[in-house]
Amino acid sequence: MELLRDFWHLISTPEGLQKLIGWGGLPIMSAIVFAETGLLIGFFLPGDSLLFIAGFMASPAGEKIVGQHPFSIVWLNVVLMIAAIVGDTVGYWIGHKAGPAIFNRPQSRLFRRDHLLRAHAFYEKHGGKTIVLARFMPIVRTFAPVVAGAADMNYRHFLAYNVFGGIGWVLSMTSLGFFLGRIEWVQKNLEKAVIVVILLSISPMLIHAWQERRKRRLSLAEPRR
């Protein structure tokens, strides 16, 4: 039980992630990014937070605070982009091999059917661009490639969305950490900064959902002719 608490602290707090990144470097970060995007059991992993703090630690400001400079921002982006793209590719083939039957699989601690169905509904609504949009949505990004594979999405189309989304997600999150880390407030309030960044990353989706709901309400309110 204590081991689980220690692990949760490592992946859920800025201090813990700094320790984890400082200890494991690029290999452990690659494993986390891959698992969150490519394995169904990785939905709880901290992709956005990890990328932001990794970018922060790679910055000159982060080096001064953390006391080390474990990697360059260039190699950080290259390695984690590859991990994100490979992760989604594995997720796609898991869904493709399992087929539609995966939606009927019973829920368990390691398999969240409700999350899978939510990602499926999102895919039904947005089509292929889901693979890009889902990158910025925790939990959904884990299940979106599986849904695309189960829905038999053309692999070439999937790969294009996958590469574009993987590069955009990693580069945007690490760059925010790298450049915002120069701001004194961010240095002193890293946990709050992480929360703000995550909210900003999902804000387009929240705005889009609000607009869609507003359109539905307006259409229902219009008098029928």
C-alpha atoms as a PDB file:
ATOM      1  CA  MET A   1       0.000   0.000   0.000  1.00  0.00           C
ATOM      2  CA  GLU A   2       2.798   2.384   0.868  1.00  0.00           C
ATOM      3  CA  LEU A   3       4.515   1.514  -2.411  1.00  0.00           C
ATOM      4  CA  LEU A   4       1.356   2.480  -4.319  1.00  0.00           C
ATOM      5  CA  ARG A   5       1.150   5.782  -2.439  1.00  0.00           C
ATOM      6  CA  ASP A   6       4.778   6.537  -3.281  1.00  0.00           C
ATOM      7  CA  PHE A   7       4.180   5.693  -6.938  1.00  0.00           C
ATOM      8  CA  TRP A   8       1.064   7.875  -7.077  1.00  0.00           C
ATOM      9  CA  HIS A   9       3.019  10.747  -5.541  1.00  0.00           C
ATOM     10  CA  LEU A  10       5.705  10.349  -8.216  1.00  0.00           C
ATOM     11  CA  ILE A  11       3.269  10.564 -11.140  1.00  0.00           C
ATOM     12  CA  SER A  12       0.724  13.025  -9.729  1.00  0.00           C
ATOM     13  CA  THR A  13       2.796  15.885  -8.291  1.00  0.00           C
ATOM     14  CA  PRO A  14       5.358  18.232  -9.872  1.00  0.00           C
ATOM     15  CA  GLU A  15       7.880  17.315  -7.184  1.00  0.00           C
ATOM     16  CA  GLY A  16       7.367  13.620  -7.807  1.00  0.00           C
ATOM     17  CA  LEU A  17       7.624  14.009 -11.580  1.00  0.00           C
ATOM     18  CA  GLN A  18      10.846  15.965 -11.210  1.00  0.00           C
ATOM     19  CA  LYS A  19      12.295  13.116  -9.150  1.00  0.00           C
ATOM     20  CA  LEU A  20      11.036  10.527 -11.623  1.00  0.00           C
ATOM     21  CA  ILE A  21      12.444  12.408 -14.627  1.00  0.00           C
ATOM     22  CA  GLY A  22      15.745  13.079 -12.838  1.00  0.00           C
ATOM     23  CA  TRP A  23      16.059   9.376 -11.976  1.00  0.00           C
ATOM     24  CA  GLY A  24      14.821   7.770 -15.193  1.00  0.00           C
ATOM     25  CA  GLY A  25      15.560  10.435 -17.807  1.00  0.00           C
ATOM     26  CA  LEU A  26      14.457   9.896 -21.399  1.00  0.00           C
ATOM     27  CA  PRO A  27      13.863   6.116 -21.087  1.00  0.00           C
ATOM     28  CA  ILE A  28      11.288   6.416 -18.286  1.00  0.00           C
ATOM     29  CA  MET A  29       9.584   9.377 -19.982  1.00  0.00           C
ATOM     30  CA  SER A  30       9.397   7.467 -23.266  1.00  0.00           C
ATOM     31  CA  ALA A  31       7.881   4.488 -21.462  1.00  0.00           C
ATOM     32  CA  ILE A  32       5.211   6.661 -19.827  1.00  0.00           C
ATOM     33  CA  VAL A  33       4.289   8.472 -23.048  1.00  0.00           C
ATOM     34  CA  PHE A  34       4.160   5.176 -24.942  1.00  0.00           C
ATOM     35  CA  ALA A  35       2.064   3.445 -22.279  1.00  0.00           C
ATOM     36  CA  GLU A  36      -0.416   6.308 -21.993  1.00  0.00           C
ATOM     37  CA  THR A  37      -0.976   6.493 -25.734  1.00  0.00           C
ATOM     38  CA  GLY A  38      -0.513   2.859 -26.724  1.00  0.00           C
ATOM     39  CA  LEU A  39      -1.703   0.625 -23.896  1.00  0.00           C
ATOM     40  CA  LEU A  40      -5.260   0.540 -22.600  1.00  0.00           C
ATOM     41  CA  ILE A  41      -4.031   0.366 -19.014  1.00  0.00           C
ATOM     42  CA  GLY A  42      -2.101   3.639 -19.344  1.00  0.00           C
ATOM     43  CA  PHE A  43      -5.086   5.999 -19.116  1.00  0.00           C
ATOM     44  CA  PHE A  44      -4.129   7.231 -15.616  1.00  0.00           C
ATOM     45  CA  LEU A  45      -0.595   8.301 -16.554  1.00  0.00           C
ATOM     46  CA  PRO A  46       0.293  12.032 -16.525  1.00  0.00           C
ATOM     47  CA  GLY A  47       1.116  12.832 -20.147  1.00  0.00           C
ATOM     48  CA  ASP A  48       0.532  16.601 -20.153  1.00  0.00           C
ATOM     49  CA  SER A  49       2.117  17.163 -16.750  1.00  0.00           C
ATOM     50  CA  LEU A  50       5.109  15.007 -17.630  1.00  0.00           C
ATOM     51  CA  LEU A  51       5.783  16.851 -20.882  1.00  0.00           C
ATOM     52  CA  PHE A  52       5.410  20.289 -19.336  1.00  0.00           C
ATOM     53  CA  ILE A  53       7.720  19.533 -16.415  1.00  0.00           C
ATOM     54  CA  ALA A  54      10.238  17.806 -18.691  1.00  0.00           C
ATOM     55  CA  GLY A  55      10.348  20.946 -20.818  1.00  0.00           C
ATOM     56  CA  PHE A  56      10.758  23.015 -17.679  1.00  0.00           C
ATOM     57  CA  MET A  57      13.641  20.847 -16.448  1.00  0.00           C
ATOM     58  CA  ALA A  58      15.360  21.128 -19.817  1.00  0.00           C
ATOM     59  CA  SER A  59      15.286  24.938 -19.617  1.00  0.00           C
ATOM     60  CA  PRO A  60      18.064  27.052 -18.070  1.00  0.00           C
ATOM     61  CA  ALA A  61      15.672  28.131 -15.297  1.00  0.00           C
ATOM     62  CA  GLY A  62      14.747  24.538 -14.548  1.00  0.00           C
ATOM     63  CA  GLU A  63      18.373  23.510 -14.427  1.00  0.00           C
ATOM     64  CA  LYS A  64      19.076  26.118 -11.749  1.00  0.00           C
ATOM     65  CA  ILE A  65      16.125  25.066  -9.603  1.00  0.00           C
ATOM     66  CA  VAL A  66      16.419  21.304 -10.038  1.00  0.00           C
ATOM     67  CA  GLY A  67      20.201  21.359  -9.929  1.00  0.00           C
ATOM     68  CA  GLN A  68      20.772  19.270 -13.027  1.00  0.00           C
ATOM     69  CA  HIS A  69      20.412  19.356 -16.791  1.00  0.00           C
ATOM     70  CA  PRO A  70      19.588  15.731 -17.722  1.00  0.00           C
ATOM     71  CA  PHE A  71      18.726  16.258 -21.401  1.00  0.00           C
ATOM     72  CA  SER A  72      18.477  18.823 -24.184  1.00  0.00           C
ATOM     73  CA  ILE A  73      15.126  20.169 -25.356  1.00  0.00           C
ATOM     74  CA  VAL A  74      15.879  18.937 -28.890  1.00  0.00           C
ATOM     75  CA  TRP A  75      16.482  15.313 -27.898  1.00  0.00           C
ATOM     76  CA  LEU A  76      13.581  15.493 -25.465  1.00  0.00           C
ATOM     77  CA  ASN A  77      11.198  16.387 -28.287  1.00  0.00           C
ATOM     78  CA  VAL A  78      12.628  13.933 -30.812  1.00  0.00           C
ATOM     79  CA  VAL A  79      12.518  10.932 -28.473  1.00  0.00           C
ATOM     80  CA  LEU A  80       9.083  11.676 -26.981  1.00  0.00           C
ATOM     81  CA  MET A  81       7.532  12.428 -30.380  1.00  0.00           C
ATOM     82  CA  ILE A  82       8.657   8.984 -31.532  1.00  0.00           C
ATOM     83  CA  ALA A  83       7.262   7.405 -28.348  1.00  0.00           C
ATOM     84  CA  ALA A  84       3.911   9.163 -28.854  1.00  0.00           C
ATOM     85  CA  ILE A  85       3.632   8.157 -32.516  1.00  0.00           C
ATOM     86  CA  VAL A  86       4.642   4.540 -31.841  1.00  0.00           C
ATOM     87  CA  GLY A  87       2.229   4.431 -28.906  1.00  0.00           C
ATOM     88  CA  ASP A  88      -0.752   5.473 -31.000  1.00  0.00           C
ATOM     89  CA  THR A  89       0.296   3.019 -33.707  1.00  0.00           C
ATOM     90  CA  VAL A  90       0.267   0.147 -31.207  1.00  0.00           C
ATOM     91  CA  GLY A  91      -3.124   1.310 -29.916  1.00  0.00           C
ATOM     92  CA  TYR A  92      -4.481   1.311 -33.470  1.00  0.00           C
ATOM     93  CA  TRP A  93      -3.352  -2.261 -34.123  1.00  0.00           C
ATOM     94  CA  ILE A  94      -4.731  -3.449 -30.792  1.00  0.00           C
ATOM     95  CA  GLY A  95      -8.121  -2.097 -31.829  1.00  0.00           C
ATOM     96  CA  HIS A  96      -7.750  -3.394 -35.376  1.00  0.00           C
ATOM     97  CA  LYS A  97      -6.937  -6.940 -34.225  1.00  0.00           C
ATOM     98  CA  ALA A  98      -9.635  -6.979 -31.537  1.00  0.00           C
ATOM     99  CA  GLY A  99     -12.281  -5.516 -33.832  1.00  0.00           C
ATOM    100  CA  PRO A 100     -15.721  -4.270 -32.752  1.00  0.00           C
ATOM    101  CA  ALA A 101     -15.891  -7.033 -30.116  1.00  0.00           C
ATOM    102  CA  ILE A 102     -13.641  -4.934 -27.888  1.00  0.00           C
ATOM    103  CA  PHE A 103     -16.602  -2.637 -27.140  1.00  0.00           C
ATOM    104  CA  ASN A 104     -18.402  -5.568 -25.500  1.00  0.00           C
ATOM    105  CA  ARG A 105     -15.510  -6.541 -23.276  1.00  0.00           C
ATOM    106  CA  PRO A 106     -16.488  -6.368 -19.579  1.00  0.00           C
ATOM    107  CA  GLN A 107     -15.065  -3.564 -17.490  1.00  0.00           C
ATOM    108  CA  SER A 108     -12.295  -4.251 -15.000  1.00  0.00           C
ATOM    109  CA  ARG A 109      -9.627  -2.389 -13.073  1.00  0.00           C
ATOM    110  CA  LEU A 110      -7.221  -2.666 -15.994  1.00  0.00           C
ATOM    111  CA  PHE A 111      -9.812  -2.128 -18.741  1.00  0.00           C
ATOM    112  CA  ARG A 112     -12.180   0.847 -18.583  1.00  0.00           C
ATOM    113  CA  ARG A 113     -14.995   0.114 -21.007  1.00  0.00           C
ATOM    114  CA  ASP A 114     -16.742   3.401 -20.133  1.00  0.00           C
ATOM    115  CA  HIS A 115     -13.679   5.379 -21.259  1.00  0.00           C
ATOM    116  CA  LEU A 116     -13.530   3.352 -24.474  1.00  0.00           C
ATOM    117  CA  LEU A 117     -17.189   4.067 -25.238  1.00  0.00           C
ATOM    118  CA  ARG A 118     -16.674   7.763 -24.534  1.00  0.00           C
ATOM    119  CA  ALA A 119     -13.771   7.841 -26.983  1.00  0.00           C
ATOM    120  CA  HIS A 120     -15.922   5.959 -29.504  1.00  0.00           C
ATOM    121  CA  ALA A 121     -18.667   8.573 -29.243  1.00  0.00           C
ATOM    122  CA  PHE A 122     -16.062  11.291 -29.784  1.00  0.00           C
ATOM    123  CA  TYR A 123     -14.718   9.433 -32.829  1.00  0.00           C
ATOM    124  CA  GLU A 124     -18.201   9.003 -34.278  1.00  0.00           C
ATOM    125  CA  LYS A 125     -18.693  12.749 -34.037  1.00  0.00           C
ATOM    126  CA  HIS A 126     -15.328  14.043 -35.252  1.00  0.00           C
ATOM    127  CA  GLY A 127     -13.992  11.282 -37.483  1.00  0.00           C
ATOM    128  CA  GLY A 128     -10.282  11.093 -38.278  1.00  0.00           C
ATOM    129  CA  LYS A 129      -9.411  14.416 -36.684  1.00  0.00           C
ATOM    130  CA  THR A 130     -10.192  12.745 -33.356  1.00  0.00           C
ATOM    131  CA  ILE A 131      -6.651  11.314 -33.462  1.00  0.00           C
ATOM    132  CA  VAL A 132      -5.263  14.871 -33.373  1.00  0.00           C
ATOM    133  CA  LEU A 133      -7.812  16.396 -31.007  1.00  0.00           C
ATOM    134  CA  ALA A 134      -7.598  13.511 -28.544  1.00  0.00           C
ATOM    135  CA  ARG A 135      -3.904  14.141 -27.992  1.00  0.00           C
ATOM    136  CA  PHE A 136      -4.889  17.120 -25.861  1.00  0.00           C
ATOM    137  CA  MET A 137      -7.579  15.278 -23.905  1.00  0.00           C
ATOM    138  CA  PRO A 138      -6.502  13.110 -20.963  1.00  0.00           C
ATOM    139  CA  ILE A 139      -7.954   9.579 -20.996  1.00  0.00           C
ATOM    140  CA  VAL A 140      -9.478  10.045 -24.477  1.00  0.00           C
ATOM    141  CA  ARG A 141      -5.990  10.032 -26.028  1.00  0.00           C
ATOM    142  CA  THR A 142      -5.427   6.534 -24.610  1.00  0.00           C
ATOM    143  CA  PHE A 143      -8.530   5.043 -26.210  1.00  0.00           C
ATOM    144  CA  ALA A 144      -8.879   7.077 -29.438  1.00  0.00           C
ATOM    145  CA  PRO A 145      -6.338   5.053 -31.489  1.00  0.00           C
ATOM    146  CA  VAL A 146      -7.917   1.804 -30.300  1.00  0.00           C
ATOM    147  CA  VAL A 147     -11.313   3.047 -31.450  1.00  0.00           C
ATOM    148  CA  ALA A 148      -9.845   4.062 -34.829  1.00  0.00           C
ATOM    149  CA  GLY A 149      -8.385   0.590 -35.278  1.00  0.00           C
ATOM    150  CA  ALA A 150     -11.601  -1.159 -34.243  1.00  0.00           C
ATOM    151  CA  ALA A 151     -13.542   1.071 -36.646  1.00  0.00           C
ATOM    152  CA  ASP A 152     -11.176  -0.048 -39.436  1.00  0.00           C
ATOM    153  CA  MET A 153      -9.987   3.474 -40.211  1.00  0.00           C
ATOM    154  CA  ASN A 154      -7.669   3.563 -43.228  1.00  0.00           C
ATOM    155  CA  TYR A 155      -4.169   3.133 -41.789  1.00  0.00           C
ATOM    156  CA  ARG A 156      -2.518   5.701 -44.059  1.00  0.00           C
ATOM    157  CA  HIS A 157      -5.040   8.315 -42.978  1.00  0.00           C
ATOM    158  CA  PHE A 158      -4.574   7.294 -39.355  1.00  0.00           C
ATOM    159  CA  LEU A 159      -0.795   7.526 -39.643  1.00  0.00           C
ATOM    160  CA  ALA A 160      -0.984  11.066 -41.042  1.00  0.00           C
ATOM    161  CA  TYR A 161      -3.216  12.199 -38.169  1.00  0.00           C
ATOM    162  CA  ASN A 162      -1.040  10.271 -35.720  1.00  0.00           C
ATOM    163  CA  VAL A 163       2.215  11.919 -36.804  1.00  0.00           C
ATOM    164  CA  PHE A 164       0.702  15.397 -36.923  1.00  0.00           C
ATOM    165  CA  GLY A 165      -0.991  14.994 -33.539  1.00  0.00           C
ATOM    166  CA  GLY A 166       1.994  13.379 -31.843  1.00  0.00           C
ATOM    167  CA  ILE A 167       4.391  16.087 -32.956  1.00  0.00           C
ATOM    168  CA  GLY A 168       1.962  18.875 -32.086  1.00  0.00           C
ATOM    169  CA  TRP A 169       1.168  17.515 -28.629  1.00  0.00           C
ATOM    170  CA  VAL A 170       4.739  16.851 -27.523  1.00  0.00           C
ATOM    171  CA  LEU A 171       6.174  20.039 -29.006  1.00  0.00           C
ATOM    172  CA  SER A 172       3.471  22.299 -27.562  1.00  0.00           C
ATOM    173  CA  MET A 173       3.664  20.872 -24.026  1.00  0.00           C
ATOM    174  CA  THR A 174       7.452  20.765 -23.748  1.00  0.00           C
ATOM    175  CA  SER A 175       7.813  24.221 -25.325  1.00  0.00           C
ATOM    176  CA  LEU A 176       5.396  25.688 -22.808  1.00  0.00           C
ATOM    177  CA  GLY A 177       7.458  24.228 -19.982  1.00  0.00           C
ATOM    178  CA  PHE A 178      10.712  25.372 -21.562  1.00  0.00           C
ATOM    179  CA  PHE A 179       9.679  28.985 -22.181  1.00  0.00           C
ATOM    180  CA  LEU A 180       7.236  29.583 -19.329  1.00  0.00           C
ATOM    181  CA  GLY A 181       9.865  28.235 -16.945  1.00  0.00           C
ATOM    182  CA  ARG A 182      11.671  31.542 -17.319  1.00  0.00           C
ATOM    183  CA  ILE A 183       8.821  33.330 -15.553  1.00  0.00           C
ATOM    184  CA  GLU A 184       9.415  33.735 -11.829  1.00  0.00           C
ATOM    185  CA  TRP A 185       5.784  33.021 -10.895  1.00  0.00           C
ATOM    186  CA  VAL A 186       5.928  29.686 -12.731  1.00  0.00           C
ATOM    187  CA  GLN A 187       9.169  28.769 -10.967  1.00  0.00           C
ATOM    188  CA  LYS A 188       7.592  29.421  -7.569  1.00  0.00           C
ATOM    189  CA  ASN A 189       4.169  27.951  -8.393  1.00  0.00           C
ATOM    190  CA  LEU A 190       4.950  25.001 -10.637  1.00  0.00           C
ATOM    191  CA  GLU A 191       1.939  22.947  -9.498  1.00  0.00           C
ATOM    192  CA  LYS A 192      -0.487  25.784 -10.288  1.00  0.00           C
ATOM    193  CA  ALA A 193       1.238  26.367 -13.615  1.00  0.00           C
ATOM    194  CA  VAL A 194       0.737  22.704 -14.555  1.00  0.00           C
ATOM    195  CA  ILE A 195      -2.979  22.953 -13.785  1.00  0.00           C
ATOM    196  CA  VAL A 196      -3.295  26.114 -15.882  1.00  0.00           C
ATOM    197  CA  VAL A 197      -1.489  24.500 -18.817  1.00  0.00           C
ATOM    198  CA  ILE A 198      -3.713  21.409 -18.698  1.00  0.00           C
ATOM    199  CA  LEU A 199      -6.840  23.586 -18.615  1.00  0.00           C
ATOM    200  CA  LEU A 200      -5.528  25.606 -21.555  1.00  0.00           C
ATOM    201  CA  SER A 201      -4.755  22.444 -23.512  1.00  0.00           C
ATOM    202  CA  ILE A 202      -8.318  21.148 -23.187  1.00  0.00           C
ATOM    203  CA  SER A 203      -9.994  24.566 -23.495  1.00  0.00           C
ATOM    204  CA  PRO A 204     -10.557  24.281 -27.289  1.00  0.00           C
ATOM    205  CA  MET A 205     -12.466  21.055 -26.673  1.00  0.00           C
ATOM    206  CA  LEU A 206     -14.498  22.649 -23.889  1.00  0.00           C
ATOM    207  CA  ILE A 207     -15.317  25.640 -26.082  1.00  0.00           C
ATOM    208  CA  HIS A 208     -16.261  23.363 -28.962  1.00  0.00           C
ATOM    209  CA  ALA A 209     -18.521  21.276 -26.709  1.00  0.00           C
ATOM    210  CA  TRP A 210     -20.181  24.459 -25.395  1.00  0.00           C
ATOM    211  CA  GLN A 211     -20.765  25.736 -28.934  1.00  0.00           C
ATOM    212  CA  GLU A 212     -22.281  22.426 -30.025  1.00  0.00           C
ATOM    213  CA  ARG A 213     -24.578  22.366 -27.008  1.00  0.00           C
ATOM    214  CA  ARG A 214     -25.606  25.966 -27.673  1.00  0.00           C
ATOM    215  CA  LYS A 215     -26.410  25.146 -31.311  1.00  0.00           C
ATOM    216  CA  ARG A 216     -28.596  22.238 -30.231  1.00  0.00           C
ATOM    217  CA  ARG A 217     -30.460  24.415 -27.750  1.00  0.00           C
ATOM    218  CA  LEU A 218     -31.040  27.105 -30.377  1.00  0.00           C
ATOM    219  CA  SER A 219     -32.261  24.561 -32.914  1.00  0.00           C
ATOM    220  CA  LEU A 220     -34.686  23.109 -30.382  1.00  0.00           C
ATOM    221  CA  ALA A 221     -35.894  26.585 -29.449  1.00  0.00           C
ATOM    222  CA  GLU A 222     -36.664  27.556 -33.054  1.00  0.00           C
ATOM    223  CA  PRO A 223     -40.373  27.267 -33.878  1.00  0.00           C
ATOM    224  CA  ARG A 224     -41.262  24.495 -36.305  1.00  0.00           C
ATOM    225  CA  ARG A 225     -42.864  25.489 -39.586  1.00  0.00           C
END
